[in-house]
Every structure is written in structure tokens, then in C-alpha cells.
């Protein structure tokens, strides 16, 4: 519970909490339409992408016109565990070390 939430007036808190249970998911029709991968429809003006003067606005393309690797950029990389001293352990230690350095630098500013 956050500190601000603890000091919220009791009149704003709900008086009773209700629980709802999950229902069985309705079956979807057999792949009627593929789900879009991008967050904006085609021909949408992408604000902030065009930073050069006197250029036409940048428009979003249909999902099919983008390369396949583009949709895999945000997927988390899964490194197989290859024992002590392996690549997975080195990546984990590097992340821990960076976080420790950030915490130490933050404490120095306080």
C-alpha cells in the first residue's frame, strides 16, 4: 500500500469490496480476421517522427509492409542457462552490477 493511499480520507474508500469469479471464455470464430500488430491504423500521421523542415508528414504503413523482425524487437530475450561462467550468468551479473552502481550513485546524491 502506498503512503498516499494510507492517508486518503475514508469517505473516498469503497465501503465494501466485491469479488467476481472468472467465467469460461467464449470460443472465438475460426480466425476471421488477423489481429493487428501495430497500435495505429494505416495512413495515420505519426507525430514527432518527421523532424526535418519542409518534408511531407510521415504516415503509418499497413502491418504487411513492415519487415517481420520489427515485431520481434520488444520480445524479451531468453538466454539458455549454460552453467557457471556462461553467457546467461554474465548477463545476469552485469545487470546486477549496473543496478548496484545506480543505487550507490543515488545514495551519494542524498
N, C-alpha and C. Protein backbone atom coordinates (compact mmCIF):
# COMPACT_ATOMS: atom_id res chain seq x y z
N UNK A 1 0.85 -1.16 0.00
CA UNK A 1 0.00 0.00 0.00
C UNK A 1 0.90 1.23 0.00
N UNK A 2 0.56 2.17 -0.84
CA UNK A 2 1.38 3.37 -0.92
C UNK A 2 1.10 4.29 0.26
N UNK A 3 2.01 5.18 0.50
CA UNK A 3 1.89 6.10 1.61
C UNK A 3 0.71 7.05 1.41
N UNK A 4 0.51 7.52 0.19
CA UNK A 4 -0.60 8.44 -0.07
C UNK A 4 -1.95 7.75 0.09
N UNK A 5 -1.98 6.48 -0.25
CA UNK A 5 -3.24 5.77 -0.14
C UNK A 5 -3.64 5.57 1.31
N UNK A 6 -2.66 5.45 2.18
CA UNK A 6 -2.96 5.24 3.60
C UNK A 6 -3.59 6.49 4.21
N UNK A 7 -3.26 7.67 3.71
CA UNK A 7 -3.77 8.91 4.26
C UNK A 7 -5.00 9.44 3.52
N UNK A 8 -5.51 8.68 2.58
CA UNK A 8 -6.69 9.09 1.85
C UNK A 8 -7.89 9.10 2.81
N UNK A 9 -8.74 10.08 2.70
CA UNK A 9 -9.91 10.12 3.59
C UNK A 9 -10.75 8.86 3.42
N UNK A 10 -11.33 8.41 4.52
CA UNK A 10 -12.08 7.16 4.49
C UNK A 10 -13.34 7.28 3.65
N UNK A 11 -13.82 8.50 3.42
CA UNK A 11 -15.03 8.64 2.62
C UNK A 11 -14.78 8.30 1.16
N UNK A 12 -13.52 8.34 0.72
CA UNK A 12 -13.23 8.00 -0.66
C UNK A 12 -12.98 6.52 -0.86
N UNK A 13 -12.75 5.79 0.21
CA UNK A 13 -12.52 4.36 0.11
C UNK A 13 -13.84 3.65 -0.11
N UNK A 14 -13.81 2.59 -0.87
CA UNK A 14 -15.07 1.85 -1.05
C UNK A 14 -15.48 1.18 0.26
N UNK A 15 -16.77 1.16 0.51
CA UNK A 15 -17.27 0.59 1.76
C UNK A 15 -17.22 -0.93 1.74
N UNK A 16 -17.46 -1.50 0.63
CA UNK A 16 -17.41 -2.96 0.56
C UNK A 16 -16.70 -3.36 -0.72
N UNK A 17 -16.07 -4.47 -0.65
CA UNK A 17 -15.37 -4.99 -1.81
C UNK A 17 -16.11 -6.23 -2.29
N UNK A 18 -16.28 -6.32 -3.57
CA UNK A 18 -16.95 -7.49 -4.12
C UNK A 18 -15.96 -8.27 -4.95
N UNK A 19 -16.15 -9.54 -4.97
CA UNK A 19 -15.30 -10.40 -5.78
C UNK A 19 -16.13 -10.96 -6.91
N UNK A 20 -15.49 -11.10 -8.01
CA UNK A 20 -16.15 -11.76 -9.13
C UNK A 20 -15.23 -12.87 -9.59
N UNK A 21 -15.84 -13.92 -10.02
CA UNK A 21 -15.09 -15.07 -10.44
C UNK A 21 -15.06 -15.13 -11.96
N UNK A 22 -14.00 -15.70 -12.45
CA UNK A 22 -13.84 -15.78 -13.89
C UNK A 22 -14.89 -16.69 -14.49
N UNK A 23 -15.32 -16.32 -15.66
CA UNK A 23 -16.26 -17.15 -16.39
C UNK A 23 -15.51 -17.85 -17.50
N UNK A 24 -16.11 -18.87 -18.01
CA UNK A 24 -15.47 -19.58 -19.11
C UNK A 24 -15.42 -18.67 -20.33
N UNK A 25 -14.31 -18.68 -20.99
CA UNK A 25 -14.12 -17.82 -22.15
C UNK A 25 -14.97 -18.30 -23.30
N UNK A 26 -15.56 -17.37 -23.98
CA UNK A 26 -16.35 -17.71 -25.15
C UNK A 26 -15.41 -18.09 -26.28
N UNK A 27 -15.79 -19.08 -27.02
CA UNK A 27 -14.94 -19.51 -28.11
C UNK A 27 -15.03 -18.50 -29.25
N UNK A 28 -13.90 -18.18 -29.82
CA UNK A 28 -13.84 -17.22 -30.91
C UNK A 28 -14.08 -17.95 -32.23
N UNK A 29 -14.62 -17.25 -33.21
CA UNK A 29 -14.77 -17.88 -34.53
C UNK A 29 -13.40 -18.18 -35.11
N UNK A 30 -13.33 -19.13 -35.96
CA UNK A 30 -12.07 -19.62 -36.51
C UNK A 30 -11.37 -18.55 -37.34
N UNK A 31 -10.48 -17.80 -36.70
CA UNK A 31 -9.58 -16.83 -37.35
C UNK A 31 -10.27 -16.03 -38.45
N UNK A 32 -11.26 -15.27 -38.09
CA UNK A 32 -11.98 -14.47 -39.07
C UNK A 32 -11.10 -13.36 -39.62
N UNK A 33 -10.36 -12.70 -38.73
CA UNK A 33 -9.53 -11.59 -39.16
C UNK A 33 -8.27 -11.58 -38.30
N UNK A 34 -7.09 -11.46 -38.91
CA UNK A 34 -5.87 -11.45 -38.09
C UNK A 34 -5.81 -10.20 -37.23
N UNK A 35 -5.35 -10.37 -36.01
CA UNK A 35 -5.26 -9.25 -35.09
C UNK A 35 -4.14 -8.31 -35.52
N UNK A 36 -4.37 -7.00 -35.53
CA UNK A 36 -3.32 -6.07 -35.98
C UNK A 36 -2.14 -6.09 -35.01
N UNK A 37 -0.95 -5.95 -35.57
CA UNK A 37 0.26 -5.95 -34.76
C UNK A 37 0.62 -4.55 -34.29
N UNK A 38 0.32 -3.54 -35.10
CA UNK A 38 0.69 -2.18 -34.75
C UNK A 38 -0.42 -1.51 -33.95
N UNK A 39 -0.06 -0.42 -33.29
CA UNK A 39 -1.02 0.28 -32.44
C UNK A 39 -1.79 1.37 -33.19
N UNK A 40 -1.43 1.64 -34.43
CA UNK A 40 -2.15 2.67 -35.17
C UNK A 40 -2.55 2.12 -36.53
N UNK A 41 -3.70 2.54 -37.04
CA UNK A 41 -4.15 2.07 -38.35
C UNK A 41 -3.31 2.67 -39.47
N UNK A 42 -3.37 2.06 -40.65
CA UNK A 42 -2.60 2.60 -41.79
C UNK A 42 -3.03 4.03 -42.13
N UNK A 43 -2.12 4.78 -42.67
CA UNK A 43 -2.29 6.17 -43.10
C UNK A 43 -2.55 7.13 -41.94
N UNK A 44 -2.13 6.77 -40.74
CA UNK A 44 -2.20 7.67 -39.60
C UNK A 44 -0.94 8.53 -39.60
N UNK A 45 -1.08 9.81 -39.37
CA UNK A 45 0.08 10.70 -39.31
C UNK A 45 0.83 10.42 -38.01
N UNK A 46 2.12 10.09 -38.13
CA UNK A 46 2.96 9.80 -36.97
C UNK A 46 3.61 11.09 -36.52
N UNK A 47 3.09 11.67 -35.45
CA UNK A 47 3.55 12.95 -34.95
C UNK A 47 4.90 12.77 -34.26
N UNK A 48 5.84 13.63 -34.53
CA UNK A 48 7.13 13.61 -33.89
C UNK A 48 8.18 12.79 -34.62
N UNK A 49 7.79 12.04 -35.62
CA UNK A 49 8.76 11.23 -36.37
C UNK A 49 9.45 12.08 -37.43
N UNK A 50 8.71 12.99 -38.03
CA UNK A 50 9.27 13.85 -39.06
C UNK A 50 9.83 15.10 -38.38
N UNK A 51 11.13 15.16 -38.22
CA UNK A 51 11.76 16.29 -37.56
C UNK A 51 12.50 17.20 -38.53
N UNK A 52 12.47 16.91 -39.83
CA UNK A 52 13.11 17.75 -40.82
C UNK A 52 12.09 18.76 -41.36
N UNK A 53 12.56 19.97 -41.63
CA UNK A 53 11.68 21.01 -42.16
C UNK A 53 11.34 20.75 -43.62
N UNK A 54 10.19 21.25 -44.03
CA UNK A 54 9.74 21.19 -45.42
C UNK A 54 9.69 19.76 -45.97
N UNK A 55 9.29 18.83 -45.14
CA UNK A 55 9.13 17.43 -45.57
C UNK A 55 7.67 17.04 -45.40
N UNK A 56 7.18 16.13 -46.22
CA UNK A 56 5.78 15.69 -46.04
C UNK A 56 5.65 14.90 -44.73
N UNK A 57 4.44 14.86 -44.17
CA UNK A 57 4.26 14.12 -42.91
C UNK A 57 4.49 12.62 -43.11
N UNK A 58 4.97 11.97 -42.07
CA UNK A 58 5.22 10.53 -42.12
C UNK A 58 3.92 9.81 -41.79
N UNK A 59 3.53 8.88 -42.66
CA UNK A 59 2.29 8.13 -42.48
C UNK A 59 2.60 6.69 -42.10
N UNK A 60 1.76 6.11 -41.28
CA UNK A 60 1.92 4.71 -40.90
C UNK A 60 1.55 3.83 -42.09
N UNK A 61 2.25 2.73 -42.23
CA UNK A 61 2.00 1.78 -43.31
C UNK A 61 1.17 0.62 -42.78
N UNK A 62 0.58 -0.17 -43.66
CA UNK A 62 -0.09 -1.39 -43.21
C UNK A 62 0.94 -2.34 -42.60
N UNK A 63 0.49 -3.21 -41.70
CA UNK A 63 1.40 -4.12 -41.00
C UNK A 63 2.17 -5.02 -41.95
N UNK A 64 1.60 -5.36 -43.07
CA UNK A 64 2.25 -6.29 -44.01
C UNK A 64 3.48 -5.66 -44.66
N UNK A 65 3.55 -4.34 -44.71
CA UNK A 65 4.67 -3.67 -45.38
C UNK A 65 5.89 -3.50 -44.49
N UNK A 66 5.76 -3.78 -43.20
CA UNK A 66 6.91 -3.71 -42.30
C UNK A 66 7.61 -5.06 -42.27
N UNK A 67 8.93 -5.08 -42.05
CA UNK A 67 9.64 -6.37 -42.01
C UNK A 67 9.23 -7.19 -40.77
N UNK A 68 9.38 -8.50 -40.87
CA UNK A 68 8.97 -9.39 -39.78
C UNK A 68 9.78 -9.18 -38.51
N UNK A 69 11.05 -8.85 -38.63
CA UNK A 69 11.90 -8.69 -37.44
C UNK A 69 11.45 -7.51 -36.58
N UNK A 70 10.73 -6.55 -37.16
CA UNK A 70 10.30 -5.38 -36.41
C UNK A 70 9.37 -5.76 -35.26
N UNK A 71 8.52 -6.75 -35.48
CA UNK A 71 7.55 -7.14 -34.46
C UNK A 71 8.18 -7.97 -33.35
N UNK A 72 9.41 -8.40 -33.52
CA UNK A 72 10.09 -9.22 -32.51
C UNK A 72 11.06 -8.41 -31.65
N UNK A 73 11.18 -7.09 -31.89
CA UNK A 73 12.14 -6.28 -31.16
C UNK A 73 11.82 -6.17 -29.67
N UNK A 74 10.55 -6.12 -29.32
CA UNK A 74 10.17 -5.92 -27.93
C UNK A 74 10.06 -7.21 -27.14
N UNK A 75 10.22 -8.35 -27.78
CA UNK A 75 10.18 -9.62 -27.07
C UNK A 75 11.43 -9.76 -26.21
N UNK A 76 11.24 -10.28 -25.01
CA UNK A 76 12.37 -10.46 -24.10
C UNK A 76 13.25 -11.60 -24.59
N UNK A 77 14.55 -11.38 -24.55
CA UNK A 77 15.49 -12.41 -24.99
C UNK A 77 15.63 -13.47 -23.91
N UNK A 78 15.47 -14.70 -24.30
CA UNK A 78 15.62 -15.82 -23.37
C UNK A 78 16.96 -16.48 -23.63
N UNK A 79 17.86 -16.36 -22.66
CA UNK A 79 19.16 -17.00 -22.79
C UNK A 79 19.12 -18.34 -22.06
N UNK A 80 19.52 -19.41 -22.72
CA UNK A 80 19.53 -20.71 -22.03
C UNK A 80 20.64 -20.73 -20.99
N UNK A 81 20.36 -21.39 -19.88
CA UNK A 81 21.36 -21.49 -18.83
C UNK A 81 22.44 -22.45 -19.30
N UNK A 82 23.66 -21.97 -19.36
CA UNK A 82 24.75 -22.80 -19.85
C UNK A 82 25.84 -22.97 -18.79
N UNK A 83 25.45 -23.03 -17.54
CA UNK A 83 26.37 -23.31 -16.46
C UNK A 83 27.08 -22.07 -15.96
N UNK A 84 27.88 -22.25 -14.90
CA UNK A 84 28.62 -21.12 -14.35
C UNK A 84 29.65 -20.62 -15.35
N UNK A 85 29.75 -19.31 -15.44
CA UNK A 85 30.70 -18.71 -16.37
C UNK A 85 30.15 -18.60 -17.77
N UNK A 86 28.92 -18.99 -17.97
CA UNK A 86 28.32 -18.93 -19.29
C UNK A 86 27.75 -17.55 -19.59
N UNK A 87 27.21 -17.41 -20.77
CA UNK A 87 26.70 -16.11 -21.20
C UNK A 87 25.53 -15.65 -20.36
N UNK A 88 24.63 -16.56 -20.00
CA UNK A 88 23.46 -16.18 -19.20
C UNK A 88 23.88 -15.63 -17.84
N UNK A 89 24.85 -16.26 -17.22
CA UNK A 89 25.31 -15.78 -15.92
C UNK A 89 26.02 -14.43 -16.05
N UNK A 90 26.80 -14.25 -17.10
CA UNK A 90 27.49 -12.97 -17.30
C UNK A 90 26.49 -11.84 -17.49
N UNK A 91 25.43 -12.09 -18.25
CA UNK A 91 24.40 -11.07 -18.47
C UNK A 91 23.72 -10.74 -17.15
N UNK A 92 23.39 -11.76 -16.36
CA UNK A 92 22.74 -11.54 -15.07
C UNK A 92 23.63 -10.75 -14.12
N UNK A 93 24.91 -11.10 -14.05
CA UNK A 93 25.84 -10.39 -13.18
C UNK A 93 26.03 -8.94 -13.63
N UNK A 94 26.06 -8.72 -14.93
CA UNK A 94 26.21 -7.37 -15.45
C UNK A 94 25.01 -6.51 -15.07
N UNK A 95 23.80 -7.08 -15.18
CA UNK A 95 22.59 -6.33 -14.79
C UNK A 95 22.61 -6.02 -13.30
N UNK A 96 22.99 -6.99 -12.49
CA UNK A 96 23.05 -6.76 -11.04
C UNK A 96 24.07 -5.69 -10.69
N UNK A 97 25.22 -5.71 -11.36
CA UNK A 97 26.27 -4.74 -11.10
C UNK A 97 25.81 -3.33 -11.50
N UNK A 98 25.14 -3.21 -12.66
CA UNK A 98 24.64 -1.90 -13.08
C UNK A 98 23.62 -1.36 -12.09
N UNK A 99 22.74 -2.23 -11.59
CA UNK A 99 21.74 -1.80 -10.63
C UNK A 99 22.40 -1.37 -9.32
N UNK A 100 23.42 -2.10 -8.89
CA UNK A 100 24.13 -1.74 -7.66
C UNK A 100 24.81 -0.38 -7.81
N UNK A 101 25.42 -0.14 -8.97
CA UNK A 101 26.07 1.15 -9.23
C UNK A 101 25.04 2.27 -9.22
N UNK A 102 23.88 2.05 -9.84
CA UNK A 102 22.83 3.07 -9.84
C UNK A 102 22.37 3.40 -8.43
N UNK A 103 22.19 2.36 -7.61
CA UNK A 103 21.76 2.59 -6.23
C UNK A 103 22.82 3.35 -5.44
N UNK A 104 24.10 3.01 -5.63
CA UNK A 104 25.16 3.72 -4.93
C UNK A 104 25.23 5.18 -5.37
N UNK A 105 25.09 5.43 -6.67
CA UNK A 105 25.11 6.81 -7.16
C UNK A 105 23.93 7.60 -6.64
N UNK A 106 22.78 6.96 -6.54
CA UNK A 106 21.61 7.64 -5.99
C UNK A 106 21.82 7.99 -4.53
N UNK A 107 22.40 7.08 -3.77
CA UNK A 107 22.64 7.35 -2.36
C UNK A 107 23.66 8.45 -2.14
N UNK A 108 24.59 8.61 -3.08
CA UNK A 108 25.58 9.68 -2.97
C UNK A 108 24.93 11.05 -3.15
N UNK A 109 23.83 11.12 -3.88
CA UNK A 109 23.18 12.41 -4.11
C UNK A 109 22.28 12.81 -2.96
N UNK A 110 22.00 11.91 -2.05
CA UNK A 110 21.07 12.22 -0.94
C UNK A 110 21.80 12.87 0.21
